[in-house]
N, C-alpha and C. Protein backbone atom coordinates (compact mmCIF):
# COMPACT_ATOMS: atom_id res chain seq x y z
N UNK A 1 15.97 -119.42 182.19
CA UNK A 1 16.66 -119.75 180.96
C UNK A 1 18.09 -120.20 181.29
N UNK A 2 18.60 -121.19 180.57
CA UNK A 2 19.97 -121.65 180.82
C UNK A 2 21.01 -120.60 180.45
N UNK A 3 22.12 -120.63 181.17
CA UNK A 3 23.25 -119.74 180.87
C UNK A 3 24.29 -120.55 180.13
N UNK A 4 24.80 -119.98 179.05
CA UNK A 4 25.82 -120.64 178.24
C UNK A 4 27.02 -119.70 178.13
N UNK A 5 28.22 -120.26 178.32
CA UNK A 5 29.45 -119.48 178.22
C UNK A 5 30.37 -120.12 177.21
N UNK A 6 31.16 -119.28 176.56
CA UNK A 6 32.20 -119.76 175.65
C UNK A 6 33.14 -118.59 175.39
N UNK A 7 34.20 -118.84 174.64
CA UNK A 7 35.19 -117.80 174.33
C UNK A 7 34.95 -117.35 172.90
N UNK A 8 34.60 -116.10 172.73
CA UNK A 8 34.30 -115.53 171.43
C UNK A 8 35.38 -114.51 171.06
N UNK A 9 36.09 -114.80 169.99
CA UNK A 9 37.15 -113.89 169.53
C UNK A 9 38.08 -113.50 170.66
N UNK A 10 38.43 -114.49 171.49
CA UNK A 10 39.40 -114.30 172.56
C UNK A 10 38.85 -113.79 173.87
N UNK A 11 37.54 -113.53 173.95
CA UNK A 11 36.94 -113.00 175.19
C UNK A 11 35.82 -113.92 175.66
N UNK A 12 35.81 -114.16 176.96
CA UNK A 12 34.76 -114.99 177.56
C UNK A 12 33.43 -114.25 177.47
N UNK A 13 32.40 -114.95 176.98
CA UNK A 13 31.06 -114.38 176.91
C UNK A 13 30.07 -115.35 177.55
N UNK A 14 28.97 -114.81 178.04
CA UNK A 14 27.89 -115.60 178.60
C UNK A 14 26.57 -115.07 178.08
N UNK A 15 25.67 -115.98 177.77
CA UNK A 15 24.34 -115.60 177.29
C UNK A 15 23.30 -116.47 177.97
N UNK A 16 22.14 -115.89 178.20
CA UNK A 16 21.00 -116.62 178.74
C UNK A 16 20.03 -116.89 177.60
N UNK A 17 20.08 -118.10 177.08
CA UNK A 17 19.19 -118.51 175.99
C UNK A 17 18.83 -119.98 176.15
N UNK A 18 17.73 -120.37 175.53
CA UNK A 18 17.32 -121.77 175.55
C UNK A 18 18.37 -122.63 174.84
N UNK A 19 18.47 -123.87 175.22
CA UNK A 19 19.47 -124.79 174.70
C UNK A 19 19.39 -125.00 173.19
N UNK A 20 18.20 -124.90 172.61
CA UNK A 20 18.04 -125.21 171.20
C UNK A 20 18.24 -124.03 170.25
N UNK A 21 18.62 -122.87 170.78
CA UNK A 21 18.88 -121.70 169.93
C UNK A 21 20.17 -121.95 169.16
N UNK A 22 20.13 -121.71 167.87
CA UNK A 22 21.31 -121.90 167.03
C UNK A 22 22.35 -120.83 167.35
N UNK A 23 23.61 -121.24 167.30
CA UNK A 23 24.70 -120.33 167.64
C UNK A 23 24.71 -119.10 166.74
N UNK A 24 24.32 -119.23 165.48
CA UNK A 24 24.30 -118.07 164.59
C UNK A 24 23.42 -116.97 165.16
N UNK A 25 22.26 -117.34 165.71
CA UNK A 25 21.35 -116.32 166.26
C UNK A 25 21.93 -115.73 167.54
N UNK A 26 22.63 -116.54 168.32
CA UNK A 26 23.30 -116.01 169.52
C UNK A 26 24.33 -114.97 169.10
N UNK A 27 25.15 -115.31 168.10
CA UNK A 27 26.19 -114.39 167.64
C UNK A 27 25.58 -113.11 167.09
N UNK A 28 24.65 -113.23 166.17
CA UNK A 28 24.12 -112.06 165.46
C UNK A 28 23.12 -111.25 166.29
N UNK A 29 22.18 -111.92 166.93
CA UNK A 29 21.08 -111.21 167.58
C UNK A 29 21.37 -110.82 169.02
N UNK A 30 22.11 -111.65 169.72
CA UNK A 30 22.36 -111.36 171.13
C UNK A 30 23.70 -110.67 171.33
N UNK A 31 24.74 -111.21 170.72
CA UNK A 31 26.09 -110.65 170.92
C UNK A 31 26.45 -109.58 169.88
N UNK A 32 25.59 -109.39 168.88
CA UNK A 32 25.75 -108.34 167.86
C UNK A 32 27.02 -108.49 167.03
N UNK A 33 27.43 -109.73 166.81
CA UNK A 33 28.58 -110.05 165.96
C UNK A 33 27.98 -110.36 164.58
N UNK A 34 28.19 -109.47 163.63
CA UNK A 34 27.46 -109.55 162.36
C UNK A 34 28.27 -110.12 161.20
N UNK A 35 29.53 -110.49 161.41
CA UNK A 35 30.33 -111.07 160.33
C UNK A 35 29.75 -112.35 159.76
N UNK A 36 29.40 -113.33 160.61
CA UNK A 36 28.77 -114.54 160.09
C UNK A 36 27.39 -114.19 159.53
N UNK A 37 27.18 -114.47 158.28
CA UNK A 37 25.94 -114.08 157.61
C UNK A 37 24.91 -115.21 157.63
N UNK A 38 23.65 -114.82 157.66
CA UNK A 38 22.56 -115.77 157.51
C UNK A 38 22.32 -115.97 156.03
N UNK A 39 22.35 -117.21 155.61
CA UNK A 39 22.09 -117.49 154.21
C UNK A 39 21.03 -118.56 154.02
N UNK A 40 21.13 -119.64 154.79
CA UNK A 40 20.22 -120.76 154.54
C UNK A 40 19.71 -121.42 155.81
N UNK A 41 20.50 -121.39 156.88
CA UNK A 41 20.17 -122.04 158.16
C UNK A 41 20.12 -123.56 158.08
N UNK A 42 20.66 -124.14 157.01
CA UNK A 42 20.68 -125.61 156.89
C UNK A 42 22.06 -126.13 156.50
N UNK A 43 23.10 -125.34 156.74
CA UNK A 43 24.48 -125.78 156.49
C UNK A 43 24.75 -126.06 155.02
N UNK A 44 24.16 -125.29 154.14
CA UNK A 44 24.38 -125.48 152.71
C UNK A 44 25.21 -124.36 152.09
N UNK A 45 24.85 -123.11 152.33
CA UNK A 45 25.52 -122.00 151.64
C UNK A 45 26.87 -121.65 152.29
N UNK A 46 26.96 -121.87 153.59
CA UNK A 46 28.18 -121.66 154.37
C UNK A 46 28.56 -120.18 154.55
N UNK A 47 27.60 -119.27 154.37
CA UNK A 47 27.86 -117.85 154.56
C UNK A 47 28.20 -117.51 156.01
N UNK A 48 27.83 -118.39 156.92
CA UNK A 48 28.08 -118.14 158.35
C UNK A 48 29.38 -118.78 158.85
N UNK A 49 30.16 -119.38 157.98
CA UNK A 49 31.34 -120.13 158.41
C UNK A 49 32.19 -119.32 159.38
N UNK A 50 32.51 -119.96 160.48
CA UNK A 50 33.35 -119.41 161.53
C UNK A 50 34.29 -120.53 161.95
N UNK A 51 35.04 -120.33 163.02
CA UNK A 51 35.92 -121.38 163.53
C UNK A 51 35.46 -121.80 164.91
N UNK A 52 35.46 -123.09 165.15
CA UNK A 52 35.24 -123.65 166.48
C UNK A 52 36.52 -124.40 166.84
N UNK A 53 37.23 -123.87 167.81
CA UNK A 53 38.52 -124.46 168.22
C UNK A 53 39.45 -124.62 167.02
N UNK A 54 39.45 -123.63 166.14
CA UNK A 54 40.37 -123.59 165.01
C UNK A 54 39.90 -124.29 163.75
N UNK A 55 38.77 -124.94 163.79
CA UNK A 55 38.26 -125.66 162.62
C UNK A 55 37.00 -124.97 162.09
N UNK A 56 36.87 -124.96 160.77
CA UNK A 56 35.70 -124.34 160.16
C UNK A 56 34.43 -125.09 160.56
N UNK A 57 33.39 -124.33 160.86
CA UNK A 57 32.08 -124.90 161.15
C UNK A 57 31.02 -123.86 160.83
N UNK A 58 29.77 -124.29 160.77
CA UNK A 58 28.67 -123.41 160.43
C UNK A 58 27.78 -123.23 161.65
N UNK A 59 27.81 -122.05 162.27
CA UNK A 59 27.01 -121.81 163.47
C UNK A 59 25.50 -121.87 163.23
N UNK A 60 25.06 -121.83 161.98
CA UNK A 60 23.63 -121.96 161.70
C UNK A 60 23.12 -123.35 162.00
N UNK A 61 24.02 -124.32 162.06
CA UNK A 61 23.61 -125.71 162.23
C UNK A 61 23.97 -126.29 163.60
N UNK A 62 24.41 -125.44 164.52
CA UNK A 62 24.84 -125.91 165.84
C UNK A 62 24.03 -125.18 166.92
N UNK A 63 23.35 -125.96 167.75
CA UNK A 63 22.63 -125.37 168.88
C UNK A 63 23.62 -124.96 169.96
N UNK A 64 23.30 -123.90 170.68
CA UNK A 64 24.19 -123.37 171.72
C UNK A 64 24.51 -124.43 172.78
N UNK A 65 23.63 -125.40 172.99
CA UNK A 65 23.88 -126.41 174.02
C UNK A 65 25.13 -127.24 173.74
N UNK A 66 25.58 -127.27 172.49
CA UNK A 66 26.78 -128.04 172.14
C UNK A 66 28.07 -127.24 172.30
N UNK A 67 27.97 -125.97 172.58
CA UNK A 67 29.15 -125.12 172.76
C UNK A 67 29.48 -125.09 174.25
N UNK A 68 30.69 -125.49 174.57
CA UNK A 68 31.11 -125.62 175.96
C UNK A 68 31.90 -124.40 176.42
N UNK A 69 32.00 -124.18 177.73
CA UNK A 69 32.69 -122.99 178.25
C UNK A 69 34.14 -122.84 177.78
N UNK A 70 34.82 -123.94 177.50
CA UNK A 70 36.22 -123.88 177.06
C UNK A 70 36.35 -123.75 175.54
N UNK A 71 35.24 -123.80 174.81
CA UNK A 71 35.29 -123.72 173.35
C UNK A 71 35.61 -122.31 172.88
N UNK A 72 36.45 -122.25 171.87
CA UNK A 72 36.85 -120.98 171.24
C UNK A 72 36.09 -120.84 169.92
N UNK A 73 35.26 -119.82 169.83
CA UNK A 73 34.55 -119.50 168.60
C UNK A 73 35.21 -118.24 168.03
N UNK A 74 35.65 -118.34 166.79
CA UNK A 74 36.27 -117.19 166.13
C UNK A 74 35.44 -116.86 164.90
N UNK A 75 35.11 -115.59 164.78
CA UNK A 75 34.40 -115.09 163.61
C UNK A 75 35.35 -114.19 162.83
N UNK A 76 34.91 -113.70 161.70
CA UNK A 76 35.75 -112.83 160.87
C UNK A 76 36.26 -111.63 161.69
N UNK A 77 35.47 -111.18 162.66
CA UNK A 77 35.88 -110.03 163.48
C UNK A 77 37.13 -110.32 164.30
N UNK A 78 37.36 -111.59 164.65
CA UNK A 78 38.51 -111.95 165.47
C UNK A 78 39.63 -112.64 164.72
N UNK A 79 39.46 -112.83 163.42
CA UNK A 79 40.46 -113.59 162.66
C UNK A 79 41.84 -112.96 162.67
N UNK A 80 41.94 -111.66 162.48
CA UNK A 80 43.26 -111.01 162.44
C UNK A 80 44.05 -111.25 163.72
N UNK A 81 43.36 -111.36 164.86
CA UNK A 81 44.03 -111.58 166.13
C UNK A 81 44.58 -112.99 166.28
N UNK A 82 44.21 -113.90 165.39
CA UNK A 82 44.71 -115.28 165.49
C UNK A 82 46.04 -115.46 164.78
N UNK A 83 46.47 -114.45 164.07
CA UNK A 83 47.71 -114.54 163.31
C UNK A 83 48.77 -113.66 163.95
N UNK A 84 49.95 -114.21 164.09
CA UNK A 84 51.06 -113.42 164.65
C UNK A 84 51.51 -112.43 163.59
N UNK A 85 51.50 -111.20 163.93
CA UNK A 85 51.92 -110.17 162.99
C UNK A 85 50.94 -109.01 163.01
N UNK A 86 51.38 -107.90 162.50
CA UNK A 86 50.53 -106.71 162.52
C UNK A 86 49.45 -106.76 161.42
N UNK A 87 48.40 -106.03 161.64
CA UNK A 87 47.39 -105.85 160.60
C UNK A 87 46.45 -107.02 160.43
N UNK A 88 45.97 -107.13 159.23
CA UNK A 88 44.99 -108.16 158.90
C UNK A 88 45.62 -109.54 158.80
N UNK A 89 44.79 -110.54 158.81
CA UNK A 89 45.21 -111.93 158.60
C UNK A 89 45.68 -112.05 157.14
N UNK A 90 46.65 -112.91 156.84
CA UNK A 90 47.12 -113.06 155.45
C UNK A 90 46.01 -113.40 154.45
N UNK A 91 44.99 -114.13 154.86
CA UNK A 91 43.89 -114.43 153.94
C UNK A 91 43.12 -113.15 153.63
N UNK A 92 42.90 -112.32 154.62
CA UNK A 92 42.22 -111.04 154.37
C UNK A 92 43.05 -110.16 153.44
N UNK A 93 44.35 -110.14 153.65
CA UNK A 93 45.24 -109.37 152.77
C UNK A 93 45.18 -109.88 151.33
N UNK A 94 45.20 -111.21 151.18
CA UNK A 94 45.15 -111.81 149.84
C UNK A 94 43.82 -111.51 149.16
N UNK A 95 42.75 -111.46 149.93
CA UNK A 95 41.43 -111.13 149.37
C UNK A 95 41.46 -109.75 148.73
N UNK A 96 42.08 -108.81 149.41
CA UNK A 96 42.16 -107.45 148.85
C UNK A 96 43.09 -107.42 147.65
N UNK A 97 44.24 -108.07 147.76
CA UNK A 97 45.22 -108.08 146.68
C UNK A 97 44.62 -108.63 145.38
N UNK A 98 43.79 -109.65 145.50
CA UNK A 98 43.21 -110.31 144.32
C UNK A 98 41.81 -109.77 143.97
N UNK A 99 41.39 -108.69 144.61
CA UNK A 99 40.08 -108.06 144.36
C UNK A 99 38.96 -109.10 144.35
N UNK A 100 38.92 -109.92 145.38
CA UNK A 100 37.93 -110.99 145.44
C UNK A 100 36.51 -110.47 145.65
N UNK A 101 36.26 -109.61 146.63
CA UNK A 101 34.87 -109.28 146.93
C UNK A 101 34.15 -108.54 145.81
N UNK A 102 32.90 -108.89 145.65
CA UNK A 102 32.01 -108.10 144.80
C UNK A 102 30.90 -107.62 145.72
N UNK A 103 29.84 -108.40 145.90
CA UNK A 103 28.78 -107.95 146.81
C UNK A 103 29.25 -108.04 148.26
N UNK A 104 30.13 -108.99 148.56
CA UNK A 104 30.71 -109.11 149.88
C UNK A 104 29.96 -110.00 150.85
N UNK A 105 28.76 -110.43 150.51
CA UNK A 105 27.94 -111.18 151.46
C UNK A 105 28.61 -112.47 151.92
N UNK A 106 29.17 -113.21 151.01
CA UNK A 106 29.76 -114.51 151.35
C UNK A 106 31.19 -114.39 151.85
N UNK A 107 31.79 -113.24 151.72
CA UNK A 107 33.22 -113.12 151.97
C UNK A 107 33.67 -113.50 153.38
N UNK A 108 32.97 -113.10 154.45
CA UNK A 108 33.44 -113.56 155.76
C UNK A 108 33.52 -115.08 155.86
N UNK A 109 32.50 -115.77 155.38
CA UNK A 109 32.50 -117.23 155.41
C UNK A 109 33.58 -117.82 154.52
N UNK A 110 33.77 -117.23 153.35
CA UNK A 110 34.81 -117.70 152.43
C UNK A 110 36.19 -117.57 153.09
N UNK A 111 36.45 -116.43 153.69
CA UNK A 111 37.75 -116.17 154.33
C UNK A 111 37.97 -117.13 155.50
N UNK A 112 36.93 -117.36 156.28
CA UNK A 112 37.07 -118.27 157.43
C UNK A 112 37.32 -119.70 156.97
N UNK A 113 36.64 -120.12 155.91
CA UNK A 113 36.87 -121.47 155.36
C UNK A 113 38.29 -121.58 154.82
N UNK A 114 38.74 -120.55 154.12
CA UNK A 114 40.08 -120.57 153.54
C UNK A 114 41.16 -120.62 154.61
N UNK A 115 41.02 -119.79 155.64
CA UNK A 115 42.04 -119.76 156.69
C UNK A 115 42.09 -121.09 157.45
N UNK A 116 40.94 -121.73 157.65
CA UNK A 116 40.92 -123.05 158.31
C UNK A 116 41.59 -124.10 157.44
N UNK A 117 41.35 -124.04 156.13
CA UNK A 117 41.99 -124.99 155.22
C UNK A 117 43.51 -124.83 155.25
N UNK A 118 43.98 -123.60 155.18
CA UNK A 118 45.42 -123.36 155.19
C UNK A 118 46.04 -123.84 156.50
N UNK A 119 45.37 -123.57 157.61
CA UNK A 119 45.89 -124.03 158.91
C UNK A 119 45.92 -125.56 158.98
N UNK A 120 44.91 -126.19 158.42
CA UNK A 120 44.84 -127.66 158.42
C UNK A 120 45.99 -128.26 157.59
N UNK A 121 46.35 -127.62 156.52
CA UNK A 121 47.42 -128.12 155.64
C UNK A 121 48.81 -127.96 156.27
N UNK A 122 48.94 -127.13 157.27
CA UNK A 122 50.19 -126.96 158.02
C UNK A 122 51.42 -126.80 157.15
N UNK A 123 51.36 -125.87 156.22
CA UNK A 123 52.53 -125.57 155.41
C UNK A 123 52.65 -126.37 154.13
N UNK A 124 51.81 -127.36 153.94
CA UNK A 124 51.84 -128.12 152.69
C UNK A 124 51.15 -127.32 151.60
N UNK A 125 51.55 -127.61 150.38
CA UNK A 125 51.01 -126.89 149.23
C UNK A 125 49.50 -127.11 149.12
N UNK A 126 48.78 -126.03 148.86
CA UNK A 126 47.34 -126.10 148.63
C UNK A 126 47.12 -126.54 147.18
N UNK A 127 46.40 -127.63 147.01
CA UNK A 127 46.15 -128.17 145.67
C UNK A 127 44.74 -127.78 145.19
N UNK A 128 44.50 -127.99 143.92
CA UNK A 128 43.15 -127.75 143.41
C UNK A 128 42.14 -128.67 144.10
N UNK A 129 42.55 -129.88 144.41
CA UNK A 129 41.66 -130.80 145.13
C UNK A 129 41.32 -130.25 146.52
N UNK A 130 42.30 -129.64 147.19
CA UNK A 130 42.04 -129.00 148.48
C UNK A 130 41.01 -127.88 148.32
N UNK A 131 41.22 -127.07 147.29
CA UNK A 131 40.32 -125.94 147.06
C UNK A 131 38.91 -126.41 146.75
N UNK A 132 38.80 -127.55 146.13
CA UNK A 132 37.48 -128.11 145.81
C UNK A 132 36.70 -128.50 147.07
N UNK A 133 37.39 -128.67 148.19
CA UNK A 133 36.70 -129.03 149.43
C UNK A 133 35.98 -127.84 150.06
N UNK A 134 36.34 -126.63 149.66
CA UNK A 134 35.64 -125.44 150.16
C UNK A 134 34.35 -125.31 149.38
N UNK A 135 33.24 -125.48 150.06
CA UNK A 135 31.94 -125.54 149.40
C UNK A 135 31.09 -124.28 149.65
N UNK A 136 31.72 -123.19 150.04
CA UNK A 136 30.98 -121.95 150.27
C UNK A 136 30.44 -121.40 148.95
N UNK A 137 29.19 -120.98 148.99
CA UNK A 137 28.53 -120.45 147.79
C UNK A 137 28.89 -118.97 147.62
N UNK A 138 29.24 -118.61 146.38
CA UNK A 138 29.48 -117.21 146.02
C UNK A 138 28.57 -116.89 144.83
N UNK A 139 27.55 -116.11 145.09
CA UNK A 139 26.59 -115.82 144.02
C UNK A 139 27.16 -114.87 142.97
N UNK A 140 28.21 -114.15 143.29
CA UNK A 140 28.87 -113.27 142.31
C UNK A 140 29.84 -114.04 141.42
N UNK A 141 30.10 -115.29 141.81
CA UNK A 141 30.93 -116.18 141.00
C UNK A 141 32.38 -115.72 140.89
N UNK A 142 32.96 -115.31 142.01
CA UNK A 142 34.37 -114.90 142.00
C UNK A 142 35.30 -116.07 142.33
N UNK A 143 34.87 -117.27 142.08
CA UNK A 143 35.65 -118.46 142.44
C UNK A 143 37.09 -118.46 141.92
N UNK A 144 37.35 -118.05 140.68
CA UNK A 144 38.77 -118.05 140.25
C UNK A 144 39.63 -117.13 141.12
N UNK A 145 39.13 -115.96 141.47
CA UNK A 145 39.91 -115.05 142.33
C UNK A 145 40.01 -115.58 143.75
N UNK A 146 38.96 -116.23 144.22
CA UNK A 146 39.00 -116.84 145.56
C UNK A 146 40.11 -117.89 145.61
N UNK A 147 40.17 -118.73 144.61
CA UNK A 147 41.17 -119.79 144.57
C UNK A 147 42.59 -119.22 144.52
N UNK A 148 42.79 -118.19 143.72
CA UNK A 148 44.11 -117.55 143.64
C UNK A 148 44.48 -116.89 144.97
N UNK A 149 43.53 -116.25 145.60
CA UNK A 149 43.80 -115.60 146.89
C UNK A 149 44.18 -116.63 147.94
N UNK A 150 43.52 -117.77 147.96
CA UNK A 150 43.83 -118.81 148.94
C UNK A 150 45.24 -119.35 148.71
N UNK A 151 45.59 -119.61 147.47
CA UNK A 151 46.95 -120.07 147.17
C UNK A 151 47.98 -119.04 147.59
N UNK A 152 47.72 -117.79 147.29
CA UNK A 152 48.63 -116.70 147.65
C UNK A 152 48.78 -116.60 149.16
N UNK A 153 47.66 -116.62 149.86
CA UNK A 153 47.70 -116.52 151.33
C UNK A 153 48.45 -117.68 151.96
N UNK A 154 48.30 -118.86 151.39
CA UNK A 154 48.98 -120.03 151.97
C UNK A 154 50.49 -119.87 151.93
N UNK A 155 51.00 -119.18 150.92
CA UNK A 155 52.45 -118.92 150.84
C UNK A 155 52.89 -117.93 151.90
N UNK A 156 52.01 -117.02 152.29
CA UNK A 156 52.35 -116.00 153.28
C UNK A 156 52.14 -116.42 154.72
N UNK A 157 51.50 -117.57 154.90
CA UNK A 157 51.23 -118.02 156.26
C UNK A 157 52.25 -119.03 156.78
N UNK A 158 53.05 -119.59 155.89
CA UNK A 158 53.97 -120.65 156.35
C UNK A 158 55.36 -120.43 155.82
């Protein structure tokens, strides 16, 4: 079986899996990283959203063969370590402040999408049009609180 290496939440990892195994299964089943959730496996619900080299992506739609040894994969478990400062990442803090979670299933993906959007904006104001680009599904329908939390977090990150 081929060996694949990459950097997961700041630590080098290696796995022996076939090239066509989706990264979500590598994370959840082999490396036991359970933050990225399985929802659809077709890049629609975005419950598995994580970061690849700082940009939001869905590991359910990427085979391990496309992940290179120098690639940085960050999941919700490693997000707090990407921000300078003590404690949780500002997006995680804003989620609690605005009481966003209900069932919690989509929250890791929502938070990862939000933090990538804020980083991409590089200090510019988050607009409603920006928020509309986040297509993560929330079955509890907490979208108004999600949007407020993202705006709040963006003020605390820059």
